[in-house]
Amino acid sequence: MAAEDVVSSSAFVVHFFLTVIMILFKPIQCLSSYPSYGTTRSPPAMFAIGGGQADVGTNAILNSSAPGNKPFNGIDCDPPLPTGRLSNCWVVADFVAMALGYDESPPPFLAVVNSSKRFDRVITSRGSLVTVGQQIDQFGAVVRPRLIALLGPVAAGNFLAQSFFLLATGSIDIAEQRANAPPSSDPRFLRLYIAQYVDYIRTLYALGGRVFGIVAPSLVGCSSFYYNSSNSSSECDARSNSLSLGAFNRLASALRLLRLTYPDFRYSICNSPNFYFDVIANAPGSPGCGLKEVRASCCGNRRAMCSPTSALCGNRDEYFFWNLYLLTSEGSRLHSAACFGRNPRYWTPVSFAALLKD
């Protein structure tokens, strides 16, 4: 392994973004500048699997040419340098870690090298992309055995059962289905998508996971990509949004059934489609009512991904989208807050906060 291995019975965080990372006890990125809105008791261990919403800097170590390791990404960090995140600083996983009670973001732990510029994927396909399934394989082959070796099988089992598994993935599946397949194939795509997602959760359950916080795919059709390419700047892409809503509804139904099979399986799904819809509607009282630009990207010239030659907005806390697909730090903060908050429009069957208090 290419990183230090530091494990504590009170704080052990493993993060996956095309790789595996372990938390170290020296601060990498402090989150203390953001108010805590999570639980107050000692934080559980956190295992995260996912894509752009879960990347806390792997790109900065894996590949110096990765887009997350180029300006203007990281411009609002301290110091204002790229951290590997596709954001002006923070992503959803950072704020979830903060809400759980951690004072720092988990730094990268290297297991594989991947130069893909894509974000995440549920459905397996060929190519250089490290899929969610491969990330879970890394957890089963590397992380779990080390926990058992350190704690013993019984204590390791208890440790994993009390841990928080964050899954934030799937939007790229929807975007690629929309771009590459006819509408007639959408029902089959959704069936395959849900079957694969549930299979991954079953696998993690078999490996010891019991508590799952799931960030559903975003409202893909309202991403800045579609705003920038649409003939009418006020419209979203209906087919992409139909896929996003279908994925959420089917996943919610599938997990209700899974709960009947595994009574000790506990979960919360953060309703990203509702959150995105309300922010973009920008109505008074919506979670994004303080934002002034909810469609155009802050960085990326409104035509391409963020790069050192991109036009850059100056009032970044007022923008929802950082690039064509992913959120600004403020957008990610609001998204995470919705997952933990009290409004049942943004989660089912319980909030992340209620899940962690059980």
Protein backbone atom coordinates (compact mmCIF):
# COMPACT_ATOMS: atom_id res chain seq x y z
CA MET A 1 0.00 0.00 0.00
CA ALA A 2 1.17 3.46 -0.86
CA ALA A 3 -0.19 5.34 2.13
CA GLU A 4 0.19 5.20 5.87
CA ASP A 5 -2.14 2.76 7.59
CA VAL A 6 -3.52 4.32 10.74
CA VAL A 7 -6.54 2.72 12.40
CA SER A 8 -8.34 3.63 15.61
CA SER A 9 -11.32 1.98 17.23
CA SER A 10 -12.93 5.41 17.52
CA ALA A 11 -12.18 6.90 14.11
CA PHE A 12 -11.59 4.89 10.96
CA VAL A 13 -12.75 6.35 7.68
CA VAL A 14 -12.36 4.69 4.32
CA HIS A 15 -13.35 6.58 1.20
CA PHE A 16 -13.59 5.33 -2.34
CA PHE A 17 -13.34 7.46 -5.48
CA LEU A 18 -11.92 5.13 -8.10
CA THR A 19 -9.70 4.01 -5.22
CA VAL A 20 -9.65 3.48 -1.47
CA ILE A 21 -8.52 6.02 1.12
CA MET A 22 -7.92 5.88 4.86
CA ILE A 23 -8.15 8.71 7.31
CA LEU A 24 -4.91 9.88 8.93
CA PHE A 25 -4.78 11.69 12.20
CA LYS A 26 -3.01 14.77 10.89
CA PRO A 27 -5.38 17.38 9.38
CA ILE A 28 -5.49 17.55 5.60
CA GLN A 29 -8.45 19.87 5.07
CA CYS A 30 -10.14 21.35 8.13
CA LEU A 31 -13.91 21.77 8.01
CA SER A 32 -14.20 23.83 11.16
CA SER A 33 -15.18 26.94 9.21
CA TYR A 34 -18.58 25.39 8.49
CA PRO A 35 -21.23 25.09 11.22
CA SER A 36 -22.05 21.57 12.33
CA TYR A 37 -25.60 20.39 11.73
CA GLY A 38 -25.17 16.69 12.48
CA THR A 39 -25.18 14.51 15.56
CA THR A 40 -23.18 15.43 18.66
CA ARG A 41 -22.08 12.00 19.86
CA SER A 42 -18.81 10.33 18.89
CA PRO A 43 -18.85 9.87 15.10
CA PRO A 44 -19.20 6.40 13.63
CA ALA A 45 -16.68 5.06 11.19
CA MET A 46 -17.48 6.19 7.66
CA PHE A 47 -17.03 4.17 4.51
CA ALA A 48 -17.87 6.00 1.27
CA ILE A 49 -18.24 4.65 -2.23
CA GLY A 50 -18.94 6.86 -5.18
CA GLY A 51 -17.96 9.44 -7.72
CA GLY A 52 -17.67 13.20 -8.02
CA GLN A 53 -19.79 13.89 -4.94
CA ALA A 54 -17.53 11.62 -2.92
CA ASP A 55 -14.09 12.55 -4.28
CA VAL A 56 -12.02 14.21 -1.56
CA GLY A 57 -8.83 14.54 -3.57
CA THR A 58 -7.78 11.25 -5.12
CA ASN A 59 -7.16 12.95 -8.46
CA ALA A 60 -4.44 15.08 -6.90
CA ILE A 61 -2.39 11.98 -6.15
CA LEU A 62 -3.44 9.56 -8.85
CA ASN A 63 -2.82 11.65 -11.91
CA SER A 64 -1.41 15.15 -12.16
CA SER A 65 -3.28 15.66 -15.44
CA ALA A 66 -6.67 14.77 -13.96
CA PRO A 67 -9.21 17.62 -14.27
CA GLY A 68 -9.65 17.90 -10.52
CA ASN A 69 -5.96 18.69 -10.16
CA LYS A 70 -6.09 21.81 -12.33
CA PRO A 71 -7.16 25.37 -11.59
CA PHE A 72 -9.67 26.76 -11.00
CA ASN A 73 -10.62 23.71 -8.93
CA GLY A 74 -9.76 24.35 -5.29
CA ILE A 75 -9.68 28.13 -5.65
CA ASP A 76 -11.58 28.67 -2.40
CA CYS A 77 -9.56 26.21 -0.33
CA ASP A 78 -6.86 27.32 2.09
CA PRO A 79 -4.39 27.56 0.41
CA PRO A 80 -6.26 28.23 -2.86
CA LEU A 81 -4.87 25.28 -4.79
CA PRO A 82 -6.40 22.25 -6.56
CA THR A 83 -7.03 19.35 -4.17
CA GLY A 84 -8.26 16.81 -6.72
CA ARG A 85 -11.88 17.69 -6.04
CA LEU A 86 -14.02 18.82 -8.96
CA SER A 87 -15.20 21.86 -7.02
CA ASN A 88 -14.09 25.29 -5.90
CA CYS A 89 -13.23 23.49 -2.65
CA TRP A 90 -15.56 21.00 -0.96
CA VAL A 91 -17.84 18.19 -2.14
CA VAL A 92 -20.76 16.34 -0.54
CA ALA A 93 -18.53 13.77 1.20
CA ASP A 94 -16.67 16.56 3.01
CA PHE A 95 -19.90 17.91 4.46
CA VAL A 96 -21.18 14.45 5.36
CA ALA A 97 -17.93 13.84 7.27
CA MET A 98 -18.43 17.16 9.04
CA ALA A 99 -22.03 16.34 9.90
CA LEU A 100 -20.93 13.03 11.39
CA GLY A 101 -18.61 14.95 13.68
CA TYR A 102 -15.22 14.77 11.96
CA ASP A 103 -12.99 17.84 12.01
CA GLU A 104 -11.19 16.96 8.80
CA SER A 105 -11.79 15.47 5.41
CA PRO A 106 -10.45 11.97 4.78
CA PRO A 107 -7.23 12.09 2.75
CA PRO A 108 -6.65 9.70 -0.15
CA PHE A 109 -5.35 6.18 0.32
CA LEU A 110 -4.08 4.73 -2.95
CA ALA A 111 -5.00 1.28 -4.19
CA VAL A 112 -5.37 1.58 -7.97
CA VAL A 113 -4.50 4.11 -10.65
CA ASN A 114 -7.15 5.34 -13.05
CA SER A 115 -7.08 8.28 -15.45
CA SER A 116 -10.75 8.35 -16.33
CA LYS A 117 -12.35 11.77 -16.44
CA ARG A 118 -15.78 10.39 -15.66
CA PHE A 119 -17.34 10.52 -12.24
CA ASP A 120 -19.11 7.32 -11.28
CA ARG A 121 -20.93 4.30 -12.54
CA VAL A 122 -23.27 1.64 -11.18
CA ILE A 123 -23.59 -0.55 -14.25
CA THR A 124 -20.36 -2.33 -15.13
CA SER A 125 -18.87 -1.92 -18.59
CA ARG A 126 -15.50 -2.25 -20.24
CA GLY A 127 -12.93 0.49 -20.27
CA SER A 128 -10.55 2.19 -17.88
CA LEU A 129 -13.26 3.31 -15.46
CA VAL A 130 -13.07 1.72 -12.03
CA THR A 131 -16.66 0.76 -11.34
CA VAL A 132 -18.51 0.74 -8.05
CA GLY A 133 -18.27 -3.04 -8.12
CA GLN A 134 -14.50 -2.83 -8.31
CA GLN A 135 -14.45 -0.34 -5.45
CA ILE A 136 -16.47 -2.77 -3.34
CA ASP A 137 -14.08 -5.55 -4.31
CA GLN A 138 -11.24 -3.40 -2.95
CA PHE A 139 -13.12 -3.00 0.31
CA GLY A 140 -13.64 -6.76 0.60
CA ALA A 141 -10.12 -7.69 -0.45
CA VAL A 142 -8.09 -5.05 1.40
CA VAL A 143 -9.95 -3.07 4.05
CA ARG A 144 -12.08 -5.73 5.71
CA PRO A 145 -9.22 -8.27 6.07
CA ARG A 146 -7.04 -5.61 7.67
CA LEU A 147 -9.77 -4.74 10.13
CA ILE A 148 -10.14 -8.40 11.04
CA ALA A 149 -6.38 -8.75 11.46
CA LEU A 150 -6.29 -5.68 13.70
CA LEU A 151 -9.43 -6.16 15.79
CA GLY A 152 -10.26 -9.84 15.49
CA PRO A 153 -13.31 -11.22 13.66
CA VAL A 154 -15.92 -10.49 16.35
CA ALA A 155 -14.80 -6.93 17.10
CA ALA A 156 -14.35 -6.20 13.40
CA GLY A 157 -17.87 -7.44 12.73
CA ASN A 158 -19.27 -5.19 15.44
CA PHE A 159 -17.20 -2.29 14.12
CA LEU A 160 -18.54 -2.67 10.59
CA ALA A 161 -22.12 -3.12 11.80
CA GLN A 162 -21.92 0.24 13.58
CA SER A 163 -20.21 2.03 10.68
CA PHE A 164 -21.85 4.44 8.25
CA PHE A 165 -21.65 3.45 4.58
CA LEU A 166 -22.12 6.40 2.23
CA LEU A 167 -23.03 5.60 -1.38
CA ALA A 168 -23.07 8.50 -3.86
CA THR A 169 -23.08 7.23 -7.40
CA GLY A 170 -25.11 6.61 -10.54
CA SER A 171 -25.60 9.93 -12.31
CA ILE A 172 -23.16 9.05 -15.06
CA ASP A 173 -25.21 5.93 -15.88
CA ILE A 174 -28.21 8.15 -16.50
CA ALA A 175 -26.24 10.69 -18.54
CA GLU A 176 -24.76 7.97 -20.74
CA GLN A 177 -28.10 6.21 -21.20
CA ARG A 178 -29.56 9.51 -22.37
CA ALA A 179 -26.66 10.19 -24.72
CA ASN A 180 -26.09 6.73 -26.19
CA ALA A 181 -29.31 4.71 -26.17
CA PRO A 182 -32.81 5.12 -27.60
CA PRO A 183 -35.74 5.95 -25.31
CA SER A 184 -37.23 2.51 -25.96
CA SER A 185 -34.38 0.98 -23.93
CA ASP A 186 -34.99 3.12 -20.83
CA PRO A 187 -37.21 0.58 -18.97
CA ARG A 188 -34.61 -2.14 -19.41
CA PHE A 189 -31.86 0.25 -18.32
CA LEU A 190 -33.72 1.08 -15.11
CA ARG A 191 -34.30 -2.60 -14.32
CA LEU A 192 -30.60 -3.35 -14.80
CA TYR A 193 -29.58 -0.26 -12.85
CA ILE A 194 -31.67 -1.16 -9.80
CA ALA A 195 -30.73 -4.84 -9.90
CA GLN A 196 -27.05 -3.91 -9.94
CA TYR A 197 -27.40 -1.30 -7.20
CA VAL A 198 -29.23 -3.72 -4.90
CA ASP A 199 -26.63 -6.38 -5.61
CA TYR A 200 -23.89 -4.00 -4.49
CA ILE A 201 -25.73 -3.28 -1.25
CA ARG A 202 -26.24 -7.00 -0.68
CA THR A 203 -22.51 -7.51 -1.15
CA LEU A 204 -21.66 -4.77 1.33
CA TYR A 205 -24.17 -6.27 3.75
CA ALA A 206 -22.46 -9.66 3.41
CA LEU A 207 -19.15 -7.92 4.15
CA GLY A 208 -20.55 -6.50 7.38
CA GLY A 209 -22.28 -3.23 6.48
CA ARG A 210 -25.60 -2.54 8.18
CA VAL A 211 -26.11 1.25 8.08
CA PHE A 212 -26.31 2.91 4.66
CA GLY A 213 -26.71 6.55 3.65
CA ILE A 214 -27.45 6.73 -0.06
CA VAL A 215 -27.21 9.93 -2.08
CA ALA A 216 -29.50 9.28 -5.04
CA PRO A 217 -28.46 10.36 -8.54
CA SER A 218 -29.01 14.02 -9.26
CA LEU A 219 -31.69 15.52 -11.48
CA VAL A 220 -29.40 14.99 -14.45
CA GLY A 221 -31.58 16.79 -16.99
CA CYS A 222 -31.29 20.05 -15.07
CA SER A 223 -27.50 20.00 -14.91
CA SER A 224 -25.59 22.95 -16.27
CA PHE A 225 -24.66 20.78 -19.26
CA TYR A 226 -28.23 20.81 -20.53
CA TYR A 227 -28.71 24.47 -19.71
CA ASN A 228 -25.65 25.34 -21.76
CA SER A 229 -26.59 23.18 -24.74
CA SER A 230 -30.35 23.80 -24.78
CA ASN A 231 -32.04 26.02 -27.33
CA SER A 232 -34.07 27.44 -24.47
CA SER A 233 -31.93 28.29 -21.47
CA SER A 234 -34.85 27.89 -19.07
CA GLU A 235 -35.58 24.25 -19.91
CA CYS A 236 -34.29 20.98 -18.50
CA ASP A 237 -33.97 17.73 -20.42
CA ALA A 238 -37.18 15.80 -19.80
CA ARG A 239 -35.89 12.34 -20.66
CA SER A 240 -32.86 12.61 -18.37
CA ASN A 241 -35.05 13.81 -15.54
CA SER A 242 -37.50 10.97 -16.12
CA LEU A 243 -34.60 8.53 -15.77
CA SER A 244 -33.42 10.25 -12.58
CA LEU A 245 -36.88 10.10 -11.01
CA GLY A 246 -37.38 6.52 -12.17
CA ALA A 247 -34.07 5.49 -10.64
CA PHE A 248 -34.94 7.10 -7.31
CA ASN A 249 -38.45 5.66 -7.09
CA ARG A 250 -37.37 2.16 -8.07
CA LEU A 251 -34.42 2.22 -5.69
CA ALA A 252 -36.67 3.32 -2.82
CA SER A 253 -39.08 0.45 -3.56
CA ALA A 254 -36.26 -2.08 -3.88
CA LEU A 255 -34.72 -1.11 -0.55
CA ARG A 256 -38.05 -1.33 1.24
CA LEU A 257 -38.22 -4.95 0.06
CA LEU A 258 -34.59 -5.56 1.01
CA ARG A 259 -35.39 -4.42 4.53
CA LEU A 260 -37.90 -7.28 4.78
CA THR A 261 -35.15 -9.75 3.92
CA TYR A 262 -32.55 -8.20 6.25
CA PRO A 263 -34.29 -6.83 9.38
CA ASP A 264 -31.04 -5.28 10.67
CA PHE A 265 -30.44 -3.45 7.39
CA ARG A 266 -30.92 0.28 8.03
CA TYR A 267 -30.83 2.98 5.40
CA SER A 268 -31.71 6.47 4.29
CA ILE A 269 -31.98 7.64 0.69
CA CYS A 270 -31.33 11.31 0.10
CA ASN A 271 -33.85 12.47 -2.50
CA SER A 272 -31.49 14.32 -4.83
CA PRO A 273 -34.10 14.83 -7.59
CA ASN A 274 -36.40 16.73 -5.22
CA PHE A 275 -33.50 18.72 -3.83
CA TYR A 276 -32.25 19.73 -7.28
CA PHE A 277 -35.76 20.56 -8.46
CA ASP A 278 -36.44 22.84 -5.51
CA VAL A 279 -33.09 24.60 -5.75
CA ILE A 280 -33.48 25.20 -9.47
CA ALA A 281 -37.08 26.37 -9.03
CA ASN A 282 -35.54 28.88 -6.60
CA ALA A 283 -38.83 29.52 -4.85
CA PRO A 284 -38.91 31.35 -1.49
CA GLY A 285 -38.14 28.89 1.26
CA SER A 286 -36.38 26.41 -1.03
CA PRO A 287 -33.02 25.00 0.14
CA GLY A 288 -31.28 27.14 -2.47
CA CYS A 289 -33.17 30.40 -1.89
CA GLY A 290 -29.89 32.21 -1.18
CA LEU A 291 -28.39 31.24 -4.53
CA LYS A 292 -28.61 33.68 -7.43
CA GLU A 293 -27.48 31.43 -10.31
CA VAL A 294 -28.86 27.89 -10.33
CA ARG A 295 -28.34 26.79 -13.95
CA ALA A 296 -25.13 28.21 -15.42
CA SER A 297 -21.80 26.77 -14.29
CA CYS A 298 -19.44 28.99 -12.33
CA CYS A 299 -16.35 27.63 -14.09
CA GLY A 300 -16.23 26.28 -17.62
CA ASN A 301 -17.16 29.04 -20.05
CA ARG A 302 -20.69 27.63 -20.11
CA ARG A 303 -19.46 25.22 -22.80
CA ALA A 304 -16.77 22.99 -21.32
CA MET A 305 -15.46 21.56 -18.07
CA CYS A 306 -13.52 23.82 -15.72
CA SER A 307 -9.93 24.47 -16.77
CA PRO A 308 -7.21 27.10 -16.26
CA THR A 309 -8.50 28.95 -19.34
CA SER A 310 -12.14 28.97 -18.28
CA ALA A 311 -14.17 32.02 -17.40
CA LEU A 312 -14.70 32.07 -13.64
CA CYS A 313 -17.54 33.61 -11.68
CA GLY A 314 -16.60 35.92 -8.85
CA ASN A 315 -19.50 35.29 -6.48
CA ARG A 316 -19.05 31.54 -6.13
CA ASP A 317 -21.22 31.17 -3.01
CA GLU A 318 -24.16 32.34 -5.12
CA TYR A 319 -23.74 29.61 -7.76
CA PHE A 320 -25.21 26.11 -7.58
CA PHE A 321 -23.17 24.42 -10.31
CA TRP A 322 -19.40 24.55 -10.34
CA ASN A 323 -18.91 22.85 -13.72
CA LEU A 324 -21.24 21.32 -16.27
CA TYR A 325 -22.33 18.55 -13.87
CA LEU A 326 -21.06 18.98 -10.31
CA LEU A 327 -21.81 21.48 -7.58
CA THR A 328 -19.99 24.35 -5.96
CA SER A 329 -18.99 24.03 -2.32
CA GLU A 330 -22.15 25.92 -1.40
CA GLY A 331 -24.28 23.61 -3.54
CA SER A 332 -22.69 20.57 -1.92
CA ARG A 333 -23.20 22.05 1.55
CA LEU A 334 -26.89 22.57 0.84
CA HIS A 335 -27.21 19.07 -0.62
CA SER A 336 -25.65 17.45 2.43
CA ALA A 337 -27.75 19.60 4.75
CA ALA A 338 -30.90 18.39 2.98
CA CYS A 339 -29.86 14.77 3.55
CA PHE A 340 -29.49 15.44 7.29
CA GLY A 341 -32.34 17.93 7.66
CA ARG A 342 -35.93 17.69 8.88
CA ASN A 343 -37.82 18.08 5.60
CA PRO A 344 -39.09 14.62 4.50
CA ARG A 345 -39.23 15.85 0.92
CA TYR A 346 -35.47 15.28 0.79
CA TRP A 347 -35.13 11.77 2.19
CA THR A 348 -36.85 8.44 2.73
CA PRO A 349 -37.68 6.67 5.00
CA VAL A 350 -35.65 8.73 7.51
CA SER A 351 -33.00 11.42 7.34
CA PHE A 352 -29.29 10.71 7.63
CA ALA A 353 -29.40 12.32 11.08
CA ALA A 354 -32.24 10.09 12.28
CA LEU A 355 -30.52 7.04 10.84
CA LEU A 356 -27.41 7.79 12.85
CA LYS A 357 -29.36 8.39 16.07
CA ASP A 358 -31.09 4.98 15.99
